[in-house]
Amino acid sequence: MSGNVTMYSTSWCGFCRRLKTQLDREGIAYTEINIEEDPASAKIVEEANDGNQTVPTLLISSPAGTSTTLTNPSVAQVKQALAA
């Protein structure tokens, strides 16, 4: 699997903590951005989620230059997006 994973999250989000644990267990590297501390990233999340600040929202960029946005995905969905 290759590609870059950016996870937009908040400090209080239980779904974010669960997904981070699963990604760590699977050895999938990611960059985490807390949308409460970065207003620009909050806008990215809103654009991806019809104006809502729904987290976790993941942006997966492939080496080929394509990108996929996933909202509250399973680790299987993340793996599938990385393999695409």
PDB file of N, CA and C in Angstrom:
ATOM      1  N   MET A   1       0.848  -1.176   0.000  1.00  0.00           N
ATOM      2  CA  MET A   1       0.000   0.000   0.000  1.00  0.00           C
ATOM      3  C   MET A   1       0.892   1.237   0.000  1.00  0.00           C
ATOM      4  N   SER A   2       0.524   2.190  -0.833  1.00  0.00           N
ATOM      5  CA  SER A   2       1.285   3.434  -0.840  1.00  0.00           C
ATOM      6  C   SER A   2       0.307   4.591  -0.915  1.00  0.00           C
ATOM      7  N   GLY A   3       0.789   5.731  -0.569  1.00  0.00           N
ATOM      8  CA  GLY A   3      -0.037   6.922  -0.562  1.00  0.00           C
ATOM      9  C   GLY A   3       0.106   7.637   0.766  1.00  0.00           C
ATOM     10  N   ASN A   4      -0.424   8.825   0.824  1.00  0.00           N
ATOM     11  CA  ASN A   4      -0.370   9.625   2.038  1.00  0.00           C
ATOM     12  C   ASN A   4      -1.756   9.712   2.645  1.00  0.00           C
ATOM     13  N   VAL A   5      -1.836   9.536   3.949  1.00  0.00           N
ATOM     14  CA  VAL A   5      -3.102   9.603   4.662  1.00  0.00           C
ATOM     15  C   VAL A   5      -3.050  10.792   5.615  1.00  0.00           C
ATOM     16  N   THR A   6      -4.030  11.673   5.491  1.00  0.00           N
ATOM     17  CA  THR A   6      -4.196  12.778   6.423  1.00  0.00           C
ATOM     18  C   THR A   6      -5.525  12.565   7.132  1.00  0.00           C
ATOM     19  N   MET A   7      -5.478  12.535   8.464  1.00  0.00           N
ATOM     20  CA  MET A   7      -6.693  12.360   9.254  1.00  0.00           C
ATOM     21  C   MET A   7      -7.031  13.682   9.930  1.00  0.00           C
ATOM     22  N   TYR A   8      -8.218  14.172   9.641  1.00  0.00           N
ATOM     23  CA  TYR A   8      -8.746  15.354  10.312  1.00  0.00           C
ATOM     24  C   TYR A   8      -9.574  14.860  11.488  1.00  0.00           C
ATOM     25  N   SER A   9      -9.277  15.374  12.675  1.00  0.00           N
ATOM     26  CA  SER A   9      -9.899  14.852  13.888  1.00  0.00           C
ATOM     27  C   SER A   9     -10.120  15.964  14.902  1.00  0.00           C
ATOM     28  N   THR A  10     -10.629  15.579  16.064  1.00  0.00           N
ATOM     29  CA  THR A  10     -10.715  16.460  17.227  1.00  0.00           C
ATOM     30  C   THR A  10     -10.175  15.676  18.423  1.00  0.00           C
ATOM     31  N   SER A  11      -9.887  16.381  19.494  1.00  0.00           N
ATOM     32  CA  SER A  11      -9.334  15.727  20.678  1.00  0.00           C
ATOM     33  C   SER A  11     -10.356  14.860  21.405  1.00  0.00           C
ATOM     34  N   TRP A  12     -11.626  15.155  21.256  1.00  0.00           N
ATOM     35  CA  TRP A  12     -12.682  14.467  22.016  1.00  0.00           C
ATOM     36  C   TRP A  12     -13.359  13.341  21.238  1.00  0.00           C
ATOM     37  N   CYS A  13     -12.991  13.107  19.999  1.00  0.00           N
ATOM     38  CA  CYS A  13     -13.703  12.172  19.117  1.00  0.00           C
ATOM     39  C   CYS A  13     -13.318  10.710  19.387  1.00  0.00           C
ATOM     40  N   GLY A  14     -14.264   9.936  19.874  1.00  0.00           N
ATOM     41  CA  GLY A  14     -14.038   8.517  20.122  1.00  0.00           C
ATOM     42  C   GLY A  14     -13.821   7.720  18.842  1.00  0.00           C
ATOM     43  N   PHE A  15     -14.520   8.081  17.770  1.00  0.00           N
ATOM     44  CA  PHE A  15     -14.341   7.392  16.491  1.00  0.00           C
ATOM     45  C   PHE A  15     -12.935   7.637  15.956  1.00  0.00           C
ATOM     46  N   CYS A  16     -12.412   8.838  16.200  1.00  0.00           N
ATOM     47  CA  CYS A  16     -11.041   9.159  15.773  1.00  0.00           C
ATOM     48  C   CYS A  16     -10.031   8.301  16.528  1.00  0.00           C
ATOM     49  N   ARG A  17     -10.204   8.202  17.842  1.00  0.00           N
ATOM     50  CA  ARG A  17      -9.283   7.385  18.653  1.00  0.00           C
ATOM     51  C   ARG A  17      -9.313   5.922  18.203  1.00  0.00           C
ATOM     52  N   ARG A  18     -10.509   5.407  17.929  1.00  0.00           N
ATOM     53  CA  ARG A  18     -10.641   4.019  17.487  1.00  0.00           C
ATOM     54  C   ARG A  18      -9.923   3.798  16.163  1.00  0.00           C
ATOM     55  N   LEU A  19     -10.140   4.693  15.200  1.00  0.00           N
ATOM     56  CA  LEU A  19      -9.501   4.535  13.898  1.00  0.00           C
ATOM     57  C   LEU A  19      -7.988   4.672  13.998  1.00  0.00           C
ATOM     58  N   LYS A  20      -7.497   5.613  14.812  1.00  0.00           N
ATOM     59  CA  LYS A  20      -6.047   5.749  14.986  1.00  0.00           C
ATOM     60  C   LYS A  20      -5.443   4.465  15.543  1.00  0.00           C
ATOM     61  N   THR A  21      -6.109   3.852  16.508  1.00  0.00           N
ATOM     62  CA  THR A  21      -5.629   2.586  17.075  1.00  0.00           C
ATOM     63  C   THR A  21      -5.564   1.512  15.997  1.00  0.00           C
ATOM     64  N   GLN A  22      -6.598   1.445  15.159  1.00  0.00           N
ATOM     65  CA  GLN A  22      -6.629   0.434  14.102  1.00  0.00           C
ATOM     66  C   GLN A  22      -5.558   0.694  13.049  1.00  0.00           C
ATOM     67  N   LEU A  23      -5.378   1.948  12.665  1.00  0.00           N
ATOM     68  CA  LEU A  23      -4.344   2.269  11.675  1.00  0.00           C
ATOM     69  C   LEU A  23      -2.960   1.957  12.232  1.00  0.00           C
ATOM     70  N   ASP A  24      -2.730   2.288  13.493  1.00  0.00           N
ATOM     71  CA  ASP A  24      -1.446   1.973  14.128  1.00  0.00           C
ATOM     72  C   ASP A  24      -1.204   0.467  14.128  1.00  0.00           C
ATOM     73  N   ARG A  25      -2.227  -0.292  14.483  1.00  0.00           N
ATOM     74  CA  ARG A  25      -2.096  -1.752  14.534  1.00  0.00           C
ATOM     75  C   ARG A  25      -1.776  -2.334  13.159  1.00  0.00           C
ATOM     76  N   GLU A  26      -2.323  -1.722  12.102  1.00  0.00           N
ATOM     77  CA  GLU A  26      -2.092  -2.206  10.734  1.00  0.00           C
ATOM     78  C   GLU A  26      -0.815  -1.640  10.116  1.00  0.00           C
ATOM     79  N   GLY A  27      -0.145  -0.751  10.838  1.00  0.00           N
ATOM     80  CA  GLY A  27       1.087  -0.165  10.320  1.00  0.00           C
ATOM     81  C   GLY A  27       0.860   0.871   9.232  1.00  0.00           C
ATOM     82  N   ILE A  28      -0.309   1.494   9.226  1.00  0.00           N
ATOM     83  CA  ILE A  28      -0.625   2.514   8.225  1.00  0.00           C
ATOM     84  C   ILE A  28      -0.284   3.883   8.816  1.00  0.00           C
ATOM     85  N   ALA A  29       0.670   4.543   8.197  1.00  0.00           N
ATOM     86  CA  ALA A  29       1.107   5.858   8.668  1.00  0.00           C
ATOM     87  C   ALA A  29       0.091   6.925   8.267  1.00  0.00           C
ATOM     88  N   TYR A  30      -0.046   7.940   9.110  1.00  0.00           N
ATOM     89  CA  TYR A  30      -0.974   9.030   8.820  1.00  0.00           C
ATOM     90  C   TYR A  30      -0.482  10.288   9.514  1.00  0.00           C
ATOM     91  N   THR A  31      -0.932  11.395   8.992  1.00  0.00           N
ATOM     92  CA  THR A  31      -0.698  12.692   9.613  1.00  0.00           C
ATOM     93  C   THR A  31      -2.024  13.132  10.199  1.00  0.00           C
ATOM     94  N   GLU A  32      -2.025  13.508  11.461  1.00  0.00           N
ATOM     95  CA  GLU A  32      -3.261  13.922  12.119  1.00  0.00           C
ATOM     96  C   GLU A  32      -3.302  15.439  12.245  1.00  0.00           C
ATOM     97  N   ILE A  33      -4.447  16.021  11.900  1.00  0.00           N
ATOM     98  CA  ILE A  33      -4.661  17.450  12.037  1.00  0.00           C
ATOM     99  C   ILE A  33      -5.926  17.660  12.860  1.00  0.00           C
ATOM    100  N   ASN A  34      -5.791  18.377  13.961  1.00  0.00           N
ATOM    101  CA  ASN A  34      -6.919  18.669  14.846  1.00  0.00           C
ATOM    102  C   ASN A  34      -7.639  19.899  14.299  1.00  0.00           C
ATOM    103  N   ILE A  35      -8.887  19.733  13.865  1.00  0.00           N
ATOM    104  CA  ILE A  35      -9.613  20.835  13.243  1.00  0.00           C
ATOM    105  C   ILE A  35      -9.997  21.921  14.245  1.00  0.00           C
ATOM    106  N   GLU A  36      -9.934  21.608  15.526  1.00  0.00           N
ATOM    107  CA  GLU A  36     -10.214  22.634  16.539  1.00  0.00           C
ATOM    108  C   GLU A  36      -9.058  23.630  16.646  1.00  0.00           C
ATOM    109  N   GLU A  37      -7.875  23.205  16.263  1.00  0.00           N
ATOM    110  CA  GLU A  37      -6.681  24.039  16.359  1.00  0.00           C
ATOM    111  C   GLU A  37      -6.290  24.665  15.028  1.00  0.00           C
ATOM    112  N   ASP A  38      -6.932  24.231  13.936  1.00  0.00           N
ATOM    113  CA  ASP A  38      -6.561  24.700  12.601  1.00  0.00           C
ATOM    114  C   ASP A  38      -7.825  25.035  11.806  1.00  0.00           C
ATOM    115  N   PRO A  39      -8.253  26.304  11.815  1.00  0.00           N
ATOM    116  CA  PRO A  39      -9.490  26.690  11.125  1.00  0.00           C
ATOM    117  C   PRO A  39      -9.491  26.363   9.625  1.00  0.00           C
ATOM    118  N   ALA A  40      -8.341  26.415   8.979  1.00  0.00           N
ATOM    119  CA  ALA A  40      -8.285  26.096   7.553  1.00  0.00           C
ATOM    120  C   ALA A  40      -8.635  24.631   7.309  1.00  0.00           C
ATOM    121  N   SER A  41      -8.184  23.751   8.186  1.00  0.00           N
ATOM    122  CA  SER A  41      -8.507  22.333   8.016  1.00  0.00           C
ATOM    123  C   SER A  41      -9.972  22.071   8.319  1.00  0.00           C
ATOM    124  N   ALA A  42     -10.567  22.847   9.231  1.00  0.00           N
ATOM    125  CA  ALA A  42     -12.004  22.709   9.504  1.00  0.00           C
ATOM    126  C   ALA A  42     -12.793  23.003   8.239  1.00  0.00           C
ATOM    127  N   LYS A  43     -12.352  23.960   7.445  1.00  0.00           N
ATOM    128  CA  LYS A  43     -13.021  24.282   6.179  1.00  0.00           C
ATOM    129  C   LYS A  43     -12.923  23.113   5.197  1.00  0.00           C
ATOM    130  N   ILE A  44     -11.772  22.450   5.160  1.00  0.00           N
ATOM    131  CA  ILE A  44     -11.596  21.285   4.283  1.00  0.00           C
ATOM    132  C   ILE A  44     -12.599  20.204   4.660  1.00  0.00           C
ATOM    133  N   VAL A  45     -12.741  19.958   5.966  1.00  0.00           N
ATOM    134  CA  VAL A  45     -13.684  18.941   6.449  1.00  0.00           C
ATOM    135  C   VAL A  45     -15.120  19.334   6.103  1.00  0.00           C
ATOM    136  N   GLU A  46     -15.457  20.591   6.279  1.00  0.00           N
ATOM    137  CA  GLU A  46     -16.805  21.054   5.938  1.00  0.00           C
ATOM    138  C   GLU A  46     -17.099  20.873   4.456  1.00  0.00           C
ATOM    139  N   GLU A  47     -16.137  21.174   3.602  1.00  0.00           N
ATOM    140  CA  GLU A  47     -16.320  21.016   2.162  1.00  0.00           C
ATOM    141  C   GLU A  47     -16.543  19.555   1.782  1.00  0.00           C
ATOM    142  N   ALA A  48     -15.897  18.664   2.480  1.00  0.00           N
ATOM    143  CA  ALA A  48     -16.030  17.236   2.188  1.00  0.00           C
ATOM    144  C   ALA A  48     -17.314  16.630   2.745  1.00  0.00           C
ATOM    145  N   ASN A  49     -17.941  17.321   3.700  1.00  0.00           N
ATOM    146  CA  ASN A  49     -19.080  16.733   4.414  1.00  0.00           C
ATOM    147  C   ASN A  49     -20.310  17.641   4.423  1.00  0.00           C
ATOM    148  N   ASP A  50     -20.605  18.245   3.281  1.00  0.00           N
ATOM    149  CA  ASP A  50     -21.820  19.056   3.123  1.00  0.00           C
ATOM    150  C   ASP A  50     -21.983  20.106   4.213  1.00  0.00           C
ATOM    151  N   GLY A  51     -20.885  20.768   4.589  1.00  0.00           N
ATOM    152  CA  GLY A  51     -20.933  21.837   5.567  1.00  0.00           C
ATOM    153  C   GLY A  51     -20.777  21.392   7.013  1.00  0.00           C
ATOM    154  N   ASN A  52     -20.667  20.094   7.251  1.00  0.00           N
ATOM    155  CA  ASN A  52     -20.542  19.566   8.608  1.00  0.00           C
ATOM    156  C   ASN A  52     -19.083  19.303   8.960  1.00  0.00           C
ATOM    157  N   GLN A  53     -18.755  19.471  10.224  1.00  0.00           N
ATOM    158  CA  GLN A  53     -17.410  19.160  10.708  1.00  0.00           C
ATOM    159  C   GLN A  53     -17.406  17.735  11.256  1.00  0.00           C
ATOM    160  N   THR A  54     -17.608  16.779  10.374  1.00  0.00           N
ATOM    161  CA  THR A  54     -17.669  15.372  10.746  1.00  0.00           C
ATOM    162  C   THR A  54     -16.265  14.781  10.748  1.00  0.00           C
ATOM    163  N   VAL A  55     -15.891  14.187  11.871  1.00  0.00           N
ATOM    164  CA  VAL A  55     -14.578  13.560  11.995  1.00  0.00           C
ATOM    165  C   VAL A  55     -14.748  12.129  12.501  1.00  0.00           C
ATOM    166  N   PRO A  56     -13.852  11.243  12.170  1.00  0.00           N
ATOM    167  CA  PRO A  56     -12.666  11.484  11.368  1.00  0.00           C
ATOM    168  C   PRO A  56     -13.000  11.598   9.880  1.00  0.00           C
ATOM    169  N   THR A  57     -12.358  12.541   9.239  1.00  0.00           N
ATOM    170  CA  THR A  57     -12.379  12.651   7.786  1.00  0.00           C
ATOM    171  C   THR A  57     -10.951  12.423   7.328  1.00  0.00           C
ATOM    172  N   LEU A  58     -10.783  11.514   6.377  1.00  0.00           N
ATOM    173  CA  LEU A  58      -9.447  11.188   5.880  1.00  0.00           C
ATOM    174  C   LEU A  58      -9.302  11.630   4.438  1.00  0.00           C
ATOM    175  N   LEU A  59      -8.165  12.205   4.124  1.00  0.00           N
ATOM    176  CA  LEU A  59      -7.788  12.526   2.761  1.00  0.00           C
ATOM    177  C   LEU A  59      -6.644  11.598   2.402  1.00  0.00           C
ATOM    178  N   ILE A  60      -6.859  10.790   1.380  1.00  0.00           N
ATOM    179  CA  ILE A  60      -5.847   9.817   0.957  1.00  0.00           C
ATOM    180  C   ILE A  60      -5.369  10.226  -0.423  1.00  0.00           C
ATOM    181  N   SER A  61      -4.086  10.539  -0.529  1.00  0.00           N
ATOM    182  CA  SER A  61      -3.477  10.969  -1.784  1.00  0.00           C
ATOM    183  C   SER A  61      -2.588   9.857  -2.306  1.00  0.00           C
ATOM    184  N   SER A  62      -2.765   9.534  -3.575  1.00  0.00           N
ATOM    185  CA  SER A  62      -1.956   8.475  -4.175  1.00  0.00           C
ATOM    186  C   SER A  62      -0.719   9.070  -4.825  1.00  0.00           C
ATOM    187  N   PRO A  63       0.295   8.246  -5.057  1.00  0.00           N
ATOM    188  CA  PRO A  63       1.485   8.728  -5.753  1.00  0.00           C
ATOM    189  C   PRO A  63       1.165   9.235  -7.160  1.00  0.00           C
ATOM    190  N   ALA A  64       0.069   8.751  -7.754  1.00  0.00           N
ATOM    191  CA  ALA A  64      -0.309   9.167  -9.106  1.00  0.00           C
ATOM    192  C   ALA A  64      -0.983  10.542  -9.124  1.00  0.00           C
ATOM    193  N   GLY A  65      -1.235  11.111  -7.934  1.00  0.00           N
ATOM    194  CA  GLY A  65      -1.823  12.439  -7.873  1.00  0.00           C
ATOM    195  C   GLY A  65      -3.332  12.466  -7.675  1.00  0.00           C
ATOM    196  N   THR A  66      -3.950  11.308  -7.540  1.00  0.00           N
ATOM    197  CA  THR A  66      -5.384  11.278  -7.267  1.00  0.00           C
ATOM    198  C   THR A  66      -5.606  11.326  -5.759  1.00  0.00           C
ATOM    199  N   SER A  67      -6.809  11.745  -5.366  1.00  0.00           N
ATOM    200  CA  SER A  67      -7.104  11.776  -3.943  1.00  0.00           C
ATOM    201  C   SER A  67      -8.518  11.289  -3.690  1.00  0.00           C
ATOM    202  N   THR A  68      -8.708  10.737  -2.504  1.00  0.00           N
ATOM    203  CA  THR A  68      -9.994  10.213  -2.056  1.00  0.00           C
ATOM    204  C   THR A  68     -10.261  10.756  -0.671  1.00  0.00           C
ATOM    205  N   THR A  69     -11.508  11.137  -0.421  1.00  0.00           N
ATOM    206  CA  THR A  69     -11.905  11.581   0.904  1.00  0.00           C
ATOM    207  C   THR A  69     -12.866  10.557   1.489  1.00  0.00           C
ATOM    208  N   LEU A  70     -12.595  10.138   2.719  1.00  0.00           N
ATOM    209  CA  LEU A  70     -13.440   9.170   3.415  1.00  0.00           C
ATOM    210  C   LEU A  70     -13.866   9.763   4.753  1.00  0.00           C
ATOM    211  N   THR A  71     -15.138   9.602   5.091  1.00  0.00           N
ATOM    212  CA  THR A  71     -15.638  10.094   6.363  1.00  0.00           C
ATOM    213  C   THR A  71     -15.976   8.916   7.254  1.00  0.00           C
ATOM    214  N   ASN A  72     -15.375   8.899   8.430  1.00  0.00           N
ATOM    215  CA  ASN A  72     -15.550   7.831   9.417  1.00  0.00           C
ATOM    216  C   ASN A  72     -15.425   6.445   8.780  1.00  0.00           C
ATOM    217  N   PRO A  73     -14.315   6.202   8.086  1.00  0.00           N
ATOM    218  CA  PRO A  73     -14.162   4.924   7.390  1.00  0.00           C
ATOM    219  C   PRO A  73     -13.722   3.802   8.325  1.00  0.00           C
ATOM    220  N   SER A  74     -13.910   2.595   7.860  1.00  0.00           N
ATOM    221  CA  SER A  74     -13.326   1.440   8.532  1.00  0.00           C
ATOM    222  C   SER A  74     -11.874   1.325   8.071  1.00  0.00           C
ATOM    223  N   VAL A  75     -11.088   0.573   8.794  1.00  0.00           N
ATOM    224  CA  VAL A  75      -9.702   0.371   8.385  1.00  0.00           C
ATOM    225  C   VAL A  75      -9.657  -0.370   7.051  1.00  0.00           C
ATOM    226  N   ALA A  76     -10.632  -1.225   6.784  1.00  0.00           N
ATOM    227  CA  ALA A  76     -10.703  -1.933   5.501  1.00  0.00           C
ATOM    228  C   ALA A  76     -10.918  -0.941   4.354  1.00  0.00           C
ATOM    229  N   GLN A  77     -11.738   0.064   4.569  1.00  0.00           N
ATOM    230  CA  GLN A  77     -11.958   1.074   3.532  1.00  0.00           C
ATOM    231  C   GLN A  77     -10.698   1.891   3.284  1.00  0.00           C
ATOM    232  N   VAL A  78      -9.958   2.172   4.344  1.00  0.00           N
ATOM    233  CA  VAL A  78      -8.696   2.902   4.182  1.00  0.00           C
ATOM    234  C   VAL A  78      -7.714   2.055   3.370  1.00  0.00           C
ATOM    235  N   LYS A  79      -7.601   0.798   3.709  1.00  0.00           N
ATOM    236  CA  LYS A  79      -6.702  -0.109   2.953  1.00  0.00           C
ATOM    237  C   LYS A  79      -7.098  -0.173   1.497  1.00  0.00           C
ATOM    238  N   GLN A  80      -8.394  -0.256   1.229  1.00  0.00           N
ATOM    239  CA  GLN A  80      -8.869  -0.319  -0.147  1.00  0.00           C
ATOM    240  C   GLN A  80      -8.515   0.963  -0.907  1.00  0.00           C
ATOM    241  N   ALA A  81      -8.689   2.106  -0.275  1.00  0.00           N
ATOM    242  CA  ALA A  81      -8.361   3.371  -0.923  1.00  0.00           C
ATOM    243  C   ALA A  81      -6.861   3.484  -1.183  1.00  0.00           C
ATOM    244  N   LEU A  82      -6.046   2.986  -0.277  1.00  0.00           N
ATOM    245  CA  LEU A  82      -4.597   3.024  -0.469  1.00  0.00           C
ATOM    246  C   LEU A  82      -4.151   2.086  -1.581  1.00  0.00           C
ATOM    247  N   ALA A  83      -4.870   0.989  -1.768  1.00  0.00           N
ATOM    248  CA  ALA A  83      -4.510   0.011  -2.787  1.00  0.00           C
ATOM    249  C   ALA A  83      -4.942   0.449  -4.185  1.00  0.00           C
ATOM    250  N   ALA A  84      -5.882   1.387  -4.243  1.00  0.00           N
ATOM    251  CA  ALA A  84      -6.428   1.820  -5.555  1.00  0.00           C
ATOM    252  C   ALA A  84      -5.440   2.665  -6.322  1.00  0.00           C
TER     253      ALA A  84
END
